[in-house]
Amino acid sequence: MQVYIRICGQVQGVFFRSSAKKVAESLGLVGWVRNNDDGSVEALAKGSKENLEKFVSWCKKGPLAATVERVEVNWSKATGEFDKFVII
């Protein structure tokens, strides 16, 4: 199972990506997280549904300095090969 997440709000310059990486790794997820030019952050994570749901819940809050205004979530069957969670 995998999930694509787009997080909008004050989510850049607040350590969102590095925090997301730590959370994803602690949950045993693989995939990536990156900043977008429009100020949002997006992530693609692959793992168990239970741990992906925990990751999505965390993304809705983010790190302490973040202000999350909106989160888009799209679930799908796992595609692509990942061996770790990276910041791109």
PDB file of N, CA and C in Angstrom:
ATOM      1  N   MET A   1       0.847  -1.173   0.000  1.00  0.00           N
ATOM      2  CA  MET A   1       0.000   0.000   0.000  1.00  0.00           C
ATOM      3  C   MET A   1       0.894   1.239   0.000  1.00  0.00           C
ATOM      4  N   GLN A   2       0.432   2.287  -0.660  1.00  0.00           N
ATOM      5  CA  GLN A   2       1.184   3.536  -0.621  1.00  0.00           C
ATOM      6  C   GLN A   2       0.215   4.706  -0.550  1.00  0.00           C
ATOM      7  N   VAL A   3       0.737   5.834  -0.109  1.00  0.00           N
ATOM      8  CA  VAL A   3      -0.075   7.037   0.003  1.00  0.00           C
ATOM      9  C   VAL A   3       0.730   8.234  -0.501  1.00  0.00           C
ATOM     10  N   TYR A   4       0.045   9.076  -1.285  1.00  0.00           N
ATOM     11  CA  TYR A   4       0.604  10.348  -1.731  1.00  0.00           C
ATOM     12  C   TYR A   4      -0.046  11.426  -0.868  1.00  0.00           C
ATOM     13  N   ILE A   5       0.769  12.317  -0.326  1.00  0.00           N
ATOM     14  CA  ILE A   5       0.267  13.356   0.571  1.00  0.00           C
ATOM     15  C   ILE A   5       0.802  14.707   0.106  1.00  0.00           C
ATOM     16  N   ARG A   6      -0.076  15.697   0.021  1.00  0.00           N
ATOM     17  CA  ARG A   6       0.334  17.077  -0.266  1.00  0.00           C
ATOM     18  C   ARG A   6      -0.116  17.925   0.910  1.00  0.00           C
ATOM     19  N   ILE A   7       0.835  18.617   1.528  1.00  0.00           N
ATOM     20  CA  ILE A   7       0.574  19.389   2.732  1.00  0.00           C
ATOM     21  C   ILE A   7       0.731  20.871   2.404  1.00  0.00           C
ATOM     22  N   CYS A   8      -0.301  21.656   2.707  1.00  0.00           N
ATOM     23  CA  CYS A   8      -0.292  23.088   2.416  1.00  0.00           C
ATOM     24  C   CYS A   8      -0.360  23.888   3.712  1.00  0.00           C
ATOM     25  N   GLY A   9       0.200  25.079   3.669  1.00  0.00           N
ATOM     26  CA  GLY A   9       0.229  25.964   4.829  1.00  0.00           C
ATOM     27  C   GLY A   9       1.645  26.478   5.027  1.00  0.00           C
ATOM     28  N   GLN A  10       1.988  26.835   6.250  1.00  0.00           N
ATOM     29  CA  GLN A  10       3.362  27.236   6.571  1.00  0.00           C
ATOM     30  C   GLN A  10       4.135  25.960   6.881  1.00  0.00           C
ATOM     31  N   VAL A  11       4.608  25.309   5.814  1.00  0.00           N
ATOM     32  CA  VAL A  11       5.233  23.995   5.965  1.00  0.00           C
ATOM     33  C   VAL A  11       6.646  23.929   5.386  1.00  0.00           C
ATOM     34  N   GLN A  12       7.148  25.054   4.893  1.00  0.00           N
ATOM     35  CA  GLN A  12       8.538  25.103   4.447  1.00  0.00           C
ATOM     36  C   GLN A  12       9.319  26.005   5.394  1.00  0.00           C
ATOM     37  N   GLY A  13      10.575  25.652   5.630  1.00  0.00           N
ATOM     38  CA  GLY A  13      11.410  26.429   6.543  1.00  0.00           C
ATOM     39  C   GLY A  13      11.117  26.139   8.005  1.00  0.00           C
ATOM     40  N   VAL A  14      10.416  25.035   8.268  1.00  0.00           N
ATOM     41  CA  VAL A  14      10.042  24.677   9.644  1.00  0.00           C
ATOM     42  C   VAL A  14      10.460  23.235   9.971  1.00  0.00           C
ATOM     43  N   PHE A  15      11.397  22.704   9.188  1.00  0.00           N
ATOM     44  CA  PHE A  15      11.911  21.341   9.375  1.00  0.00           C
ATOM     45  C   PHE A  15      10.852  20.265   9.138  1.00  0.00           C
ATOM     46  N   PHE A  16       9.876  20.561   8.267  1.00  0.00           N
ATOM     47  CA  PHE A  16       8.823  19.581   7.986  1.00  0.00           C
ATOM     48  C   PHE A  16       9.415  18.331   7.338  1.00  0.00           C
ATOM     49  N   ARG A  17      10.255  18.525   6.316  1.00  0.00           N
ATOM     50  CA  ARG A  17      10.798  17.360   5.599  1.00  0.00           C
ATOM     51  C   ARG A  17      11.666  16.486   6.488  1.00  0.00           C
ATOM     52  N   SER A  18      12.561  17.102   7.251  1.00  0.00           N
ATOM     53  CA  SER A  18      13.434  16.285   8.105  1.00  0.00           C
ATOM     54  C   SER A  18      12.635  15.593   9.201  1.00  0.00           C
ATOM     55  N   SER A  19      11.619  16.271   9.724  1.00  0.00           N
ATOM     56  CA  SER A  19      10.765  15.643  10.738  1.00  0.00           C
ATOM     57  C   SER A  19       9.948  14.510  10.130  1.00  0.00           C
ATOM     58  N   ALA A  20       9.421  14.727   8.925  1.00  0.00           N
ATOM     59  CA  ALA A  20       8.645  13.683   8.246  1.00  0.00           C
ATOM     60  C   ALA A  20       9.513  12.456   7.986  1.00  0.00           C
ATOM     61  N   LYS A  21      10.763  12.685   7.606  1.00  0.00           N
ATOM     62  CA  LYS A  21      11.686  11.572   7.365  1.00  0.00           C
ATOM     63  C   LYS A  21      11.884  10.757   8.638  1.00  0.00           C
ATOM     64  N   LYS A  22      12.093  11.429   9.755  1.00  0.00           N
ATOM     65  CA  LYS A  22      12.285  10.723  11.031  1.00  0.00           C
ATOM     66  C   LYS A  22      11.042   9.926  11.413  1.00  0.00           C
ATOM     67  N   VAL A  23       9.866  10.525  11.249  1.00  0.00           N
ATOM     68  CA  VAL A  23       8.616   9.831  11.572  1.00  0.00           C
ATOM     69  C   VAL A  23       8.438   8.626  10.656  1.00  0.00           C
ATOM     70  N   ALA A  24       8.645   8.821   9.359  1.00  0.00           N
ATOM     71  CA  ALA A  24       8.487   7.724   8.397  1.00  0.00           C
ATOM     72  C   ALA A  24       9.439   6.575   8.719  1.00  0.00           C
ATOM     73  N   GLU A  25      10.682   6.905   9.004  1.00  0.00           N
ATOM     74  CA  GLU A  25      11.656   5.856   9.327  1.00  0.00           C
ATOM     75  C   GLU A  25      11.272   5.120  10.605  1.00  0.00           C
ATOM     76  N   SER A  26      10.753   5.848  11.593  1.00  0.00           N
ATOM     77  CA  SER A  26      10.360   5.197  12.850  1.00  0.00           C
ATOM     78  C   SER A  26       9.181   4.251  12.643  1.00  0.00           C
ATOM     79  N   LEU A  27       8.395   4.503  11.592  1.00  0.00           N
ATOM     80  CA  LEU A  27       7.244   3.652  11.271  1.00  0.00           C
ATOM     81  C   LEU A  27       7.590   2.560  10.259  1.00  0.00           C
ATOM     82  N   GLY A  28       8.843   2.519   9.820  1.00  0.00           N
ATOM     83  CA  GLY A  28       9.267   1.505   8.856  1.00  0.00           C
ATOM     84  C   GLY A  28       8.778   1.769   7.442  1.00  0.00           C
ATOM     85  N   LEU A  29       8.524   3.036   7.108  1.00  0.00           N
ATOM     86  CA  LEU A  29       8.049   3.392   5.775  1.00  0.00           C
ATOM     87  C   LEU A  29       9.218   3.725   4.860  1.00  0.00           C
ATOM     88  N   VAL A  30       8.998   3.578   3.572  1.00  0.00           N
ATOM     89  CA  VAL A  30       9.970   3.980   2.562  1.00  0.00           C
ATOM     90  C   VAL A  30       9.275   4.931   1.598  1.00  0.00           C
ATOM     91  N   GLY A  31      10.065   5.753   0.896  1.00  0.00           N
ATOM     92  CA  GLY A  31       9.502   6.701  -0.054  1.00  0.00           C
ATOM     93  C   GLY A  31      10.293   7.990  -0.063  1.00  0.00           C
ATOM     94  N   TRP A  32       9.594   9.119  -0.216  1.00  0.00           N
ATOM     95  CA  TRP A  32      10.281  10.406  -0.304  1.00  0.00           C
ATOM     96  C   TRP A  32       9.393  11.545   0.181  1.00  0.00           C
ATOM     97  N   VAL A  33      10.044  12.684   0.439  1.00  0.00           N
ATOM     98  CA  VAL A  33       9.356  13.927   0.783  1.00  0.00           C
ATOM     99  C   VAL A  33      10.126  15.064   0.123  1.00  0.00           C
ATOM    100  N   ARG A  34       9.394  16.089  -0.362  1.00  0.00           N
ATOM    101  CA  ARG A  34      10.065  17.214  -1.022  1.00  0.00           C
ATOM    102  C   ARG A  34       9.241  18.491  -0.896  1.00  0.00           C
ATOM    103  N   ASN A  35       9.938  19.627  -1.046  1.00  0.00           N
ATOM    104  CA  ASN A  35       9.289  20.932  -1.121  1.00  0.00           C
ATOM    105  C   ASN A  35       8.822  21.166  -2.549  1.00  0.00           C
ATOM    106  N   ASN A  36       7.723  21.888  -2.703  1.00  0.00           N
ATOM    107  CA  ASN A  36       7.242  22.309  -4.015  1.00  0.00           C
ATOM    108  C   ASN A  36       7.412  23.816  -4.151  1.00  0.00           C
ATOM    109  N   ASP A  37       7.491  24.286  -5.390  1.00  0.00           N
ATOM    110  CA  ASP A  37       7.665  25.715  -5.647  1.00  0.00           C
ATOM    111  C   ASP A  37       6.504  26.556  -5.117  1.00  0.00           C
ATOM    112  N   ASP A  38       5.316  25.966  -4.974  1.00  0.00           N
ATOM    113  CA  ASP A  38       4.149  26.713  -4.502  1.00  0.00           C
ATOM    114  C   ASP A  38       4.095  26.838  -2.976  1.00  0.00           C
ATOM    115  N   GLY A  39       5.125  26.353  -2.279  1.00  0.00           N
ATOM    116  CA  GLY A  39       5.177  26.459  -0.824  1.00  0.00           C
ATOM    117  C   GLY A  39       4.645  25.248  -0.088  1.00  0.00           C
ATOM    118  N   SER A  40       4.118  24.282  -0.829  1.00  0.00           N
ATOM    119  CA  SER A  40       3.611  23.061  -0.196  1.00  0.00           C
ATOM    120  C   SER A  40       4.732  22.035  -0.062  1.00  0.00           C
ATOM    121  N   VAL A  41       4.433  20.980   0.664  1.00  0.00           N
ATOM    122  CA  VAL A  41       5.330  19.834   0.787  1.00  0.00           C
ATOM    123  C   VAL A  41       4.549  18.623   0.304  1.00  0.00           C
ATOM    124  N   GLU A  42       5.212  17.731  -0.418  1.00  0.00           N
ATOM    125  CA  GLU A  42       4.540  16.502  -0.820  1.00  0.00           C
ATOM    126  C   GLU A  42       5.397  15.307  -0.458  1.00  0.00           C
ATOM    127  N   ALA A  43       4.710  14.192  -0.237  1.00  0.00           N
ATOM    128  CA  ALA A  43       5.396  12.964   0.154  1.00  0.00           C
ATOM    129  C   ALA A  43       4.715  11.777  -0.495  1.00  0.00           C
ATOM    130  N   LEU A  44       5.499  10.755  -0.746  1.00  0.00           N
ATOM    131  CA  LEU A  44       4.993   9.464  -1.193  1.00  0.00           C
ATOM    132  C   LEU A  44       5.594   8.435  -0.249  1.00  0.00           C
ATOM    133  N   ALA A  45       4.735   7.699   0.424  1.00  0.00           N
ATOM    134  CA  ALA A  45       5.206   6.722   1.405  1.00  0.00           C
ATOM    135  C   ALA A  45       4.593   5.364   1.113  1.00  0.00           C
ATOM    136  N   LYS A  46       5.379   4.339   1.379  1.00  0.00           N
ATOM    137  CA  LYS A  46       4.968   2.959   1.124  1.00  0.00           C
ATOM    138  C   LYS A  46       5.199   2.154   2.395  1.00  0.00           C
ATOM    139  N   GLY A  47       4.232   1.303   2.743  1.00  0.00           N
ATOM    140  CA  GLY A  47       4.352   0.478   3.940  1.00  0.00           C
ATOM    141  C   GLY A  47       3.014  -0.131   4.297  1.00  0.00           C
ATOM    142  N   SER A  48       2.870  -0.517   5.555  1.00  0.00           N
ATOM    143  CA  SER A  48       1.608  -1.109   6.006  1.00  0.00           C
ATOM    144  C   SER A  48       0.548  -0.017   6.133  1.00  0.00           C
ATOM    145  N   LYS A  49      -0.694  -0.389   5.888  1.00  0.00           N
ATOM    146  CA  LYS A  49      -1.803   0.580   5.977  1.00  0.00           C
ATOM    147  C   LYS A  49      -1.838   1.242   7.358  1.00  0.00           C
ATOM    148  N   GLU A  50      -1.647   0.455   8.395  1.00  0.00           N
ATOM    149  CA  GLU A  50      -1.681   0.984   9.761  1.00  0.00           C
ATOM    150  C   GLU A  50      -0.628   2.072   9.963  1.00  0.00           C
ATOM    151  N   ASN A  51       0.596   1.807   9.534  1.00  0.00           N
ATOM    152  CA  ASN A  51       1.667   2.792   9.716  1.00  0.00           C
ATOM    153  C   ASN A  51       1.523   3.974   8.767  1.00  0.00           C
ATOM    154  N   LEU A  52       0.984   3.738   7.580  1.00  0.00           N
ATOM    155  CA  LEU A  52       0.721   4.855   6.670  1.00  0.00           C
ATOM    156  C   LEU A  52      -0.341   5.784   7.260  1.00  0.00           C
ATOM    157  N   GLU A  53      -1.357   5.213   7.898  1.00  0.00           N
ATOM    158  CA  GLU A  53      -2.385   6.037   8.542  1.00  0.00           C
ATOM    159  C   GLU A  53      -1.785   6.883   9.665  1.00  0.00           C
ATOM    160  N   LYS A  54      -0.845   6.314  10.408  1.00  0.00           N
ATOM    161  CA  LYS A  54      -0.159   7.080  11.458  1.00  0.00           C
ATOM    162  C   LYS A  54       0.645   8.228  10.848  1.00  0.00           C
ATOM    163  N   PHE A  55       1.299   7.963   9.723  1.00  0.00           N
ATOM    164  CA  PHE A  55       2.087   8.987   9.044  1.00  0.00           C
ATOM    165  C   PHE A  55       1.178  10.111   8.536  1.00  0.00           C
ATOM    166  N   VAL A  56       0.049   9.754   7.938  1.00  0.00           N
ATOM    167  CA  VAL A  56      -0.907  10.758   7.464  1.00  0.00           C
ATOM    168  C   VAL A  56      -1.386  11.613   8.634  1.00  0.00           C
ATOM    169  N   SER A  57      -1.702  10.985   9.754  1.00  0.00           N
ATOM    170  CA  SER A  57      -2.139  11.736  10.943  1.00  0.00           C
ATOM    171  C   SER A  57      -1.067  12.716  11.390  1.00  0.00           C
ATOM    172  N   TRP A  58       0.195  12.272  11.384  1.00  0.00           N
ATOM    173  CA  TRP A  58       1.286  13.169  11.769  1.00  0.00           C
ATOM    174  C   TRP A  58       1.372  14.337  10.778  1.00  0.00           C
ATOM    175  N   CYS A  59       1.244  14.058   9.476  1.00  0.00           N
ATOM    176  CA  CYS A  59       1.348  15.107   8.456  1.00  0.00           C
ATOM    177  C   CYS A  59       0.263  16.169   8.625  1.00  0.00           C
ATOM    178  N   LYS A  60      -0.861  15.805   9.191  1.00  0.00           N
ATOM    179  CA  LYS A  60      -1.943  16.770   9.402  1.00  0.00           C
ATOM    180  C   LYS A  60      -1.603  17.771  10.501  1.00  0.00           C
ATOM    181  N   LYS A  61      -0.602  17.448  11.332  1.00  0.00           N
ATOM    182  CA  LYS A  61      -0.138  18.360  12.387  1.00  0.00           C
ATOM    183  C   LYS A  61       1.240  18.912  12.053  1.00  0.00           C
ATOM    184  N   GLY A  62       2.143  18.031  11.632  1.00  0.00           N
ATOM    185  CA  GLY A  62       3.502  18.430  11.315  1.00  0.00           C
ATOM    186  C   GLY A  62       4.312  18.744  12.557  1.00  0.00           C
ATOM    187  N   PRO A  63       5.536  19.251  12.362  1.00  0.00           N
ATOM    188  CA  PRO A  63       6.371  19.628  13.504  1.00  0.00           C
ATOM    189  C   PRO A  63       5.803  20.875  14.184  1.00  0.00           C
ATOM    190  N   LEU A  64       6.292  21.160  15.365  1.00  0.00           N
ATOM    191  CA  LEU A  64       5.767  22.242  16.198  1.00  0.00           C
ATOM    192  C   LEU A  64       5.687  23.587  15.474  1.00  0.00           C
ATOM    193  N   ALA A  65       6.691  23.934  14.688  1.00  0.00           N
ATOM    194  CA  ALA A  65       6.732  25.249  14.039  1.00  0.00           C
ATOM    195  C   ALA A  65       5.835  25.349  12.803  1.00  0.00           C
ATOM    196  N   ALA A  66       5.295  24.246  12.332  1.00  0.00           N
ATOM    197  CA  ALA A  66       4.464  24.242  11.126  1.00  0.00           C
ATOM    198  C   ALA A  66       3.035  24.673  11.433  1.00  0.00           C
ATOM    199  N   THR A  67       2.399  25.257  10.423  1.00  0.00           N
ATOM    200  CA  THR A  67       0.964  25.542  10.471  1.00  0.00           C
ATOM    201  C   THR A  67       0.342  24.866   9.257  1.00  0.00           C
ATOM    202  N   VAL A  68      -0.246  23.711   9.468  1.00  0.00           N
ATOM    203  CA  VAL A  68      -0.847  22.946   8.376  1.00  0.00           C
ATOM    204  C   VAL A  68      -2.270  23.450   8.159  1.00  0.00           C
ATOM    205  N   GLU A  69      -2.547  23.888   6.929  1.00  0.00           N
ATOM    206  CA  GLU A  69      -3.879  24.401   6.600  1.00  0.00           C
ATOM    207  C   GLU A  69      -4.725  23.374   5.863  1.00  0.00           C
ATOM    208  N   ARG A  70      -4.081  22.563   5.036  1.00  0.00           N
ATOM    209  CA  ARG A  70      -4.831  21.594   4.234  1.00  0.00           C
ATOM    210  C   ARG A  70      -3.924  20.424   3.880  1.00  0.00           C
ATOM    211  N   VAL A  71      -4.504  19.227   3.853  1.00  0.00           N
ATOM    212  CA  VAL A  71      -3.757  18.027   3.481  1.00  0.00           C
ATOM    213  C   VAL A  71      -4.579  17.247   2.460  1.00  0.00           C
ATOM    214  N   GLU A  72      -3.955  16.939   1.329  1.00  0.00           N
ATOM    215  CA  GLU A  72      -4.587  16.096   0.310  1.00  0.00           C
ATOM    216  C   GLU A  72      -3.968  14.711   0.421  1.00  0.00           C
ATOM    217  N   VAL A  73      -4.803  13.687   0.422  1.00  0.00           N
ATOM    218  CA  VAL A  73      -4.332  12.314   0.601  1.00  0.00           C
ATOM    219  C   VAL A  73      -4.908  11.442  -0.503  1.00  0.00           C
ATOM    220  N   ASN A  74      -4.044  10.702  -1.186  1.00  0.00           N
ATOM    221  CA  ASN A  74      -4.477   9.766  -2.222  1.00  0.00           C
ATOM    222  C   ASN A  74      -3.837   8.406  -1.969  1.00  0.00           C
ATOM    223  N   TRP A  75      -4.684   7.390  -1.757  1.00  0.00           N
ATOM    224  CA  TRP A  75      -4.220   6.026  -1.503  1.00  0.00           C
ATOM    225  C   TRP A  75      -4.167   5.247  -2.807  1.00  0.00           C
ATOM    226  N   SER A  76      -3.206   4.329  -2.919  1.00  0.00           N
ATOM    227  CA  SER A  76      -3.131   3.457  -4.091  1.00  0.00           C
ATOM    228  C   SER A  76      -2.335   2.203  -3.749  1.00  0.00           C
ATOM    229  N   LYS A  77      -2.368   1.265  -4.681  1.00  0.00           N
ATOM    230  CA  LYS A  77      -1.521   0.082  -4.524  1.00  0.00           C
ATOM    231  C   LYS A  77      -0.073   0.525  -4.674  1.00  0.00           C
ATOM    232  N   ALA A  78       0.805  -0.159  -3.989  1.00  0.00           N
ATOM    233  CA  ALA A  78       2.228   0.197  -4.019  1.00  0.00           C
ATOM    234  C   ALA A  78       2.800   0.013  -5.419  1.00  0.00           C
ATOM    235  N   THR A  79       3.521   1.025  -5.882  1.00  0.00           N
ATOM    236  CA  THR A  79       4.244   0.950  -7.148  1.00  0.00           C
ATOM    237  C   THR A  79       5.643   1.497  -6.910  1.00  0.00           C
ATOM    238  N   GLY A  80       6.559   1.136  -7.759  1.00  0.00           N
ATOM    239  CA  GLY A  80       7.922   1.632  -7.614  1.00  0.00           C
ATOM    240  C   GLY A  80       8.671   0.912  -6.515  1.00  0.00           C
ATOM    241  N   GLU A  81       9.951   0.983  -6.601  1.00  0.00           N
ATOM    242  CA  GLU A  81      10.810   0.315  -5.623  1.00  0.00           C
ATOM    243  C   GLU A  81      11.544   1.357  -4.798  1.00  0.00           C
ATOM    244  N   PHE A  82      11.364   1.287  -3.516  1.00  0.00           N
ATOM    245  CA  PHE A  82      12.080   2.156  -2.591  1.00  0.00           C
ATOM    246  C   PHE A  82      12.757   1.269  -1.565  1.00  0.00           C
ATOM    247  N   ASP A  83      13.946   1.670  -1.126  1.00  0.00           N
ATOM    248  CA  ASP A  83      14.607   0.893  -0.074  1.00  0.00           C
ATOM    249  C   ASP A  83      14.816   1.717   1.193  1.00  0.00           C
ATOM    250  N   LYS A  84      14.456   3.022   1.123  1.00  0.00           N
ATOM    251  CA  LYS A  84      14.557   3.879   2.301  1.00  0.00           C
ATOM    252  C   LYS A  84      13.671   5.098   2.094  1.00  0.00           C
ATOM    253  N   PHE A  85      13.596   5.948   3.097  1.00  0.00           N
ATOM    254  CA  PHE A  85      12.824   7.187   2.997  1.00  0.00           C
ATOM    255  C   PHE A  85      13.819   8.330   2.839  1.00  0.00           C
ATOM    256  N   VAL A  86      13.651   9.133   1.782  1.00  0.00           N
ATOM    257  CA  VAL A  86      14.634  10.170   1.468  1.00  0.00           C
ATOM    258  C   VAL A  86      13.976  11.538   1.302  1.00  0.00           C
ATOM    259  N   ILE A  87      14.776  12.569   1.517  1.00  0.00           N
ATOM    260  CA  ILE A  87      14.377  13.944   1.222  1.00  0.00           C
ATOM    261  C   ILE A  87      14.912  14.264  -0.162  1.00  0.00           C
ATOM    262  N   ILE A  88      14.025  14.716  -1.057  1.00  0.00           N
ATOM    263  CA  ILE A  88      14.483  15.066  -2.413  1.00  0.00           C
ATOM    264  C   ILE A  88      14.169  16.513  -2.727  1.00  0.00           C
TER     265      ILE A  88
END
